[in-house]
Amino acid sequence: MPVLVPFDKCIARPDEEGKKHLLKNHLLRVKEFAENWISDTGEPVKELIGLAAICHDIAKSHADWQRYILDPEIKKGPTHAPQGAFLFSFLGYHWLEITRQWEAYRVVWLWLVRDIADHHGKLKKLQDDNWLQRYDWEKMDFEGISSFLKDHYPEFSGLELTIDSMDDWLDVADEQIEEAMDDLDTGFGQKKDFDLMVHLQAWRALTTALIAGDRFDVKDTGTSWFDEKTIEKCEAALGRYCTAKAGSPLAQARSQAQKNIIKQMAEQPASWFYTLELPTGYGKTITALKLSLWLGKQRHYRKIVYVAPYLSILEQTSRVIGEAMDIGALEHHSLAILDQSNKSGTQGEQRAPNDELAMESWAHSVICTSFQQWSKAIFPGRAQDVLRRSFLKDSIIIIDEPQIFNPDGWNLFLTGLEAIAKQQHLCVLFLSATMPPFEYGLSRKPIRLAASGSQVERYQVRLEEKMDEEKMAAFLNDREDIKQAAILNTIEDAYRVYKQINGEEDVRLLHGLMVPVHKKLEIAKIQDHLEKEKEKRLIVIATQIIEAGVDVSFHHVIRALPILPSIVQAAGRVNRHFETDNGILTIAPFFRNGEKNTRNSIYARPLQRITDRLLFEKDIWLESEMEPLVRRYYEEMFRENTYETAKQAIREAYEGDWPQLSKYEPFGQDYLKLPLFVPWEVPEEDEKWLPEQFLWLRKKFGVTDAASIYERYSNVNFMNGLSFEERKQFMILFHHFVLNVPVKTALRFVSQEEYLQSNRVPLLYSEGAYDQNLGLVGHFDELDNFI
């Protein structure tokens, strides 16, 4: 039986270079950090978070835990979080009773009990009281713990802290929990959603104080901020960047629009929320960066967080920020996060190496992240997720293409965003040419920043009769435009049109079932062709993946009829840089085989009806008429359905069921997909098109092809020998060859057992399944809602 360790002698972690990490010192440092982090919340809350910090790891004084931390042969120690929650529930209750503040702060008390219980895992319901049970307290030095507590909390001088008092508390704690839960009953909706969300975000501020204090005591990452000198340096770099780009035919219109927008910001500088509405191709990102630097100088914001819907846009913008402002951005997205199953550690503890901790906590002056990761900052699902709030205060949040958010959860997202903006002093910029409405989610409308004056007319939108794959191919073949594209609603539609095109043309196919490196390579080839071979015909057949984050410009684009925001996005690929007098966007209803309207597989019927009602008012639309048309579209869309049902989750979370918020997904609840590693071979003649990052990673790890990458991935010794940063880099390289496909499709190539019996991404063995040029085509079951 392990020997009881005096509390004063207990350690929090093994010695390092002769330095002893006493448990009591760790608890006191976390207490100090947590109290300072929420210093503006009032003295009682500050005292409670300090006490919670003392309790969160106090059960590490357990004899078995002390033995485990010193013995490498013991792979798993006893739990300590639920015991800490139990002790805090007892101590916190008595502190509030002694100071006569129980009724006023019992909800905060219950929040902190839950936070301690969850501080190494998922954030659960308040109603989950599994922490409330009998523990083997006899293996902890209660006399030493009592003495330690009374030294720091004189209020406990008369409180008996013994094993018997723990047993007695077990009998009555339910009543105190019930009292706190009664305070959270929202009744019949008298309380406003925003007010409830403010309370919920106050809870998660406490969670952040506790988790950040715990994690940063092990390794203090520090962070970098924008200061006056950095802002001046970035402004100078941005000026040089814009000067170098001034040769574009659209440069004058773009420059004038940006000046007008900066002027509009200066006239209304005090808002938390702005919309930046510019036509595609007018430099939304550069304008947003100029606005951010202006806000840094005028309103003392210290950080930029750029949020993108897709990885392709995120990576592209990260590169632009680096080139334009001469400052590196920290990228935080799905490929930059290690799979939890591959992390070492004990009892599910989320202990991170220093470089991972810096990434998880967004410890940098410029962050580029995804919709999913930003949503976890607002509605965290795990204790580790709150770390990204640690250095969030005084940040500018740039949210790109917000119309891509699923409308069902849009207003819920906005309510959470406004609450955290108020708490953390954030300024939010929404960027889009097709801005969704805000009035059902924000308490007041954002300030609108938009290009004023006469607008360059780069394209017309023309409507045509319905087509099938043969008619669309013939339509493209018969036109004289040198550079053309067709954008279809599904992969099979795109593939069918591609097969019908006259083989004499330079024809390219682009869709979502190409592995990322293949897709990037094809886009690079298309961009080079558009730039350098101006007199040679090109036809690109694509799905809507080409509509966002891909800088291409065609003389003519035909778009299978979608909904209005997608039409405007497609129009952004027509005469984008004003290289010709007038581009044409053709819109035609598409029926596969002349029968199946595949539009129904992608877009909701009510949104189709609104689109058709507005779009078919006339046959030809000018570019300047499209933005007002989209505004009418959103007005009608939200008149028919305000999409406020999802906000019921706010009330449920306030009443204790936090997971109702943490399950929020920015794109809605997607159907299950499984990963496949595709050993696609890069053609030798196409090596010059590969992204620089890919080539650098391939050289770093000494691999030449997909097969050798997978071989390294399968080598346990190789993977375990990588540092966190190396592992992250290797997995980014690895995911250049990974496709996520519907379950039914994946199981055609890989057995169910391979997925169930291994943590690894399986290899696509089937020869010929992935076409060297066209990707994973020919397996279209379940794929109509794939793009």
Foldseek 3Di string as FASTA:
>chain_A
DFDQDQLQAAAPADDDPNHTHRPQVLLQQLLVQLLVLPVPPDDLLNVLLSLLSNLLQSQCSQRQNSVQRVDVVRQAGDDRQLVSLLVSLVVVCLVCVLVVNCLVCLLLSLLSSQLSNFLLKFRFFSPPNPSLDQDPCVRHDQVNVLVSVCVVPVSCVPPDGDSVVSVVCSVCSVVSSVSSLVVLACPPPPDDLLVLLLVVVVSLSSLQSNNCSNQVVVPPQAFAWDDPVLLVLQVVLLVVVLVVVCPFPCNVLLVQLLVQLLVLCVVPVPDQEEEEAEAQLSCLLSSVVVNQSVCCVPVVQIAEEEEEADPLQLVVSQVVSCNNRVDHEQEDEDLLDDDQVPDRDYPSGPHDPSVVLCNLQVRYRYYRYYPFLVLCCLQPGHSSSVSVVVPCARYEYEYEPLVLFDLLCSLVSLSSVVSVCVVRVYRYYYYDNQDFDHVSRDVDGHHYRYGDDDDQFAAKEFEDEADELQVVQVVVVPDPFQEEEEAEAFLVRLVSNQVNHDPVAAEAEAFQQFQQQLRLLRLLVQQCCVVPVVRGHYYYRYYLVCLPSRDAEGQEYEYADEFQVSQSSVCCRYCVSVPDRYGYYYYYHYAYVVHHRLNVVADPPVRSVLRCVQVVPDGMDTNVVSSVSSVVSSVVVCVVPVSCPLSVLSSVVSSGGSVSSNVDDRNPDDAAWAKEFEFAFDPPVSPVSGDPLLVVLCVVVVHDGLVVLVVLVPDPVNLVPDDSVNNSSSSVNRSSRMHIGHPVVVCVQPPPCVVVVDPDRYYRPDPPCADNRHGRPPPCVVGSNGD
